[in-house]
Protein backbone atom coordinates (compact mmCIF):
# COMPACT_ATOMS: atom_id res chain seq x y z
CA MET A 1 8.53 45.85 13.21
CA ASN A 2 8.90 49.08 11.85
CA VAL A 3 5.84 51.91 12.21
CA ASP A 4 4.31 51.21 8.60
CA GLN A 5 3.78 47.35 9.60
CA ALA A 6 2.71 48.15 13.11
CA MET A 7 0.54 50.78 11.61
CA LYS A 8 -1.63 48.16 9.41
CA VAL A 9 -1.71 46.02 13.10
CA ILE A 10 -3.23 48.86 14.91
CA VAL A 11 -6.02 50.16 13.03
CA LYS A 12 -7.48 52.17 15.16
CA PRO A 13 -8.83 53.14 18.96
CA TYR A 14 -12.38 52.23 20.10
CA ILE A 15 -13.88 54.64 22.38
CA THR A 16 -16.51 53.93 24.54
CA GLU A 17 -17.92 54.96 28.04
CA LYS A 18 -16.87 50.96 28.83
CA THR A 19 -13.38 52.04 27.84
CA PHE A 20 -12.77 55.02 29.04
CA ALA A 21 -13.55 53.60 32.36
CA MET A 22 -11.11 50.85 31.35
CA ILE A 23 -8.48 53.28 31.48
CA GLU A 24 -8.87 54.58 35.05
CA ASN A 25 -10.13 51.31 36.48
CA GLU A 26 -8.07 48.65 34.82
CA SER A 27 -4.77 50.27 33.03
CA LYS A 28 -6.39 49.39 30.33
CA ILE A 29 -6.89 50.61 26.35
CA CYS A 30 -8.86 49.02 23.88
CA PHE A 31 -8.06 48.95 20.05
CA ILE A 32 -9.60 47.46 16.99
CA VAL A 33 -6.45 45.49 15.38
CA GLU A 34 -6.26 43.72 12.10
CA ILE A 35 -8.34 40.43 12.08
CA SER A 36 -4.77 38.09 11.80
CA ALA A 37 -2.89 40.13 13.87
CA SER A 38 -1.65 38.17 17.28
CA LYS A 39 -0.85 39.20 20.79
CA PRO A 40 2.77 39.70 20.44
CA GLN A 41 2.07 41.78 17.07
CA ILE A 42 0.06 43.32 18.65
CA ALA A 43 2.21 44.45 21.46
CA GLU A 44 4.89 44.99 19.23
CA ALA A 45 3.02 47.31 17.08
CA ILE A 46 2.07 49.29 20.63
CA LYS A 47 5.77 49.77 21.68
CA ALA A 48 6.98 50.74 17.72
CA LEU A 49 3.80 53.57 17.59
CA TYR A 50 3.92 54.45 20.39
CA LYS A 51 6.92 53.61 22.72
CA GLU A 52 5.24 52.22 25.85
CA ASP A 53 5.37 48.85 27.00
CA VAL A 54 2.72 46.49 27.06
CA LYS A 55 1.75 44.42 30.50
CA LYS A 56 -0.81 42.26 28.80
CA VAL A 57 -2.84 42.05 25.78
CA ASN A 58 -6.40 40.25 25.78
CA THR A 59 -8.48 40.19 22.12
CA ALA A 60 -12.00 39.79 21.37
CA ARG A 61 -14.05 38.95 17.56
CA THR A 62 -16.61 41.37 17.71
CA ILE A 63 -19.21 42.61 15.13
CA TYR A 64 -16.99 45.87 15.12
CA GLY A 65 -13.58 43.60 13.92
CA LYS A 66 -11.12 42.12 16.59
CA LYS A 67 -10.55 44.12 19.67
CA ALA A 68 -7.25 44.45 21.96
CA PHE A 69 -7.34 45.68 24.99
CA VAL A 70 -4.13 45.98 25.96
CA GLN A 71 -2.57 46.53 29.77
CA PHE A 72 0.17 48.94 30.77
CA GLU A 73 2.07 48.92 34.04
CA SER A 74 -0.08 51.81 35.30
CA THR A 75 -2.99 53.61 35.34
CA GLU A 76 -0.87 56.85 34.65
CA LYS A 77 0.91 55.17 31.44
CA ALA A 78 -2.60 54.39 30.17
CA ARG A 79 -3.95 57.53 30.60
CA ASP A 80 -0.87 59.49 29.39
CA LEU A 81 -1.36 57.38 26.06
CA ALA A 82 -4.88 57.67 25.70
CA THR A 83 -4.51 61.90 26.14
CA LYS A 84 -1.56 61.32 23.58
CA ILE A 85 -3.65 59.63 20.93
CA GLY A 86 -6.48 61.60 21.56
CA MET A 87 -8.88 59.44 23.46
CA LEU A 88 -9.34 62.04 26.16
């Protein structure tokens, strides 16, 4: 997957107080993603955009669109990525 395709899958990070707690407690970052994106596509898009390995992806459909909760190997990796994309 190239960067242009990945940018169509990952719309934007989703930032709330609860998602800040998820970074520290569960090593997860929440993103708003394309409604038709699958879990493997989301993991591949994260790898293409941010060069980070994904441990697990959970999705949920909400009134804001489709959310993807992406879990990383460690809290440090999640914290570093959140800082890099401007969440922290």
